[in-house]
């Protein structure tokens, strides 16, 4: 068969040239593909943050440290530090990306009140109602908030940033996110990761402080069993608590309003379905979204800064101060109480609002000194009051700085 070609038959040079062009096109295609991969764009910062994310997941799985928080956050850190070329609406800081839409709930402070709704629906305030003076321990632990504010100012942070950073001292992740979304949105990632990290490390951070400040004799103090609390008291508590705390700190309305509303649904007896949804499905969904997006916000280029490192140092200091403040105030309270009414100072450590981990640490430390001394129910009183106290402290901070 004879081929009919324009201008005559193809020469060998044309065939070679065509093959060369194909090879060149393939080479350019492979080069372009490589440029779009994460391997081509990775930085040392990305590697560091990927290791941090893997470490968080390791702590959650191996040591059971706040797995419901650290697994989503650790995964989010990994997602946030996969290198990519901007412009494809992938990253959490790119307008129109899926992660950016989910992150909206963090930036605008939507997720924290929903978390508080779930916390309220799962919290039993009986121990606090039966012994209301233990609320003072939750208030005393808030010294960490105001101490951190002073420290942040001393390190050169702008006053609104210092106010946002200070809430880490309350050991309450949702409250810290809510406050930073109003005062310093640019620091949300650093503040949230610091707050949740120290919440997860409660079993590591608090025991040495407790051993240092509380004597063996004090550890052996046995407290009276909490009195029985009536259903009427349980219903009245969230109503009275809501009105009283919000009149003191109206700016905390989104947090405390939802906290007490959730508790009212739990205790009133006629909204069991709503309470069940709030303390299970709703809080689980919000926790997933919050943890994942907060983790993803830690892109190395944004997160690995001098300011972030200082926030972590301040966070550690504030947690130590808050724990020490609760323990010290418990010792001071005992100076004014009769022998039969004395409290075990260990429960002062539960004044930080890391619910219920700090109360569990108190229980564990109490049993180490006396296997028959159960402090969990007593510790829950300052623990839940710490949640209220941190929200009130955040509201006061917002009132002064917004």
Foldseek 3Di string as FASTA:
>chain_A
DDDDDPPDDDDPVVVVVVVVVVVVVVVVVVVVVCCFALVNVADPLLVVLLVVLVVLCCCCPVVVQPVLQSPLLSLLLNLLSRDGDPDPQDACPDPPHPLVVLCVCLLQLNLLLLLLLLLLLPDDQQLCLLPVVLLVLLQLLLVLLVVQLVVCVVVPDDNLVSNLLSLLLLLDLSLSSNSCSQRPSLCNLLSNCLSSVVLSCLLPQQPVLCPVQADLVLLQDAADDGDDDDLVSQLVVLVVVLVVLCVLFVLLCSNSVSNSVLNNCNRVPPNVVVSVCSNPVSSSVSSSSVSNSSSSVCHSVSQPDPVSVVSNVSSSVSLSSSQNSLLVVLVVVQVVDDSNHRDRSLLSSLSRQSPPVSLVSSQVSSCVSPVVRGCSSNSVNSNVSSSSSSSSSSSVSVVVRD
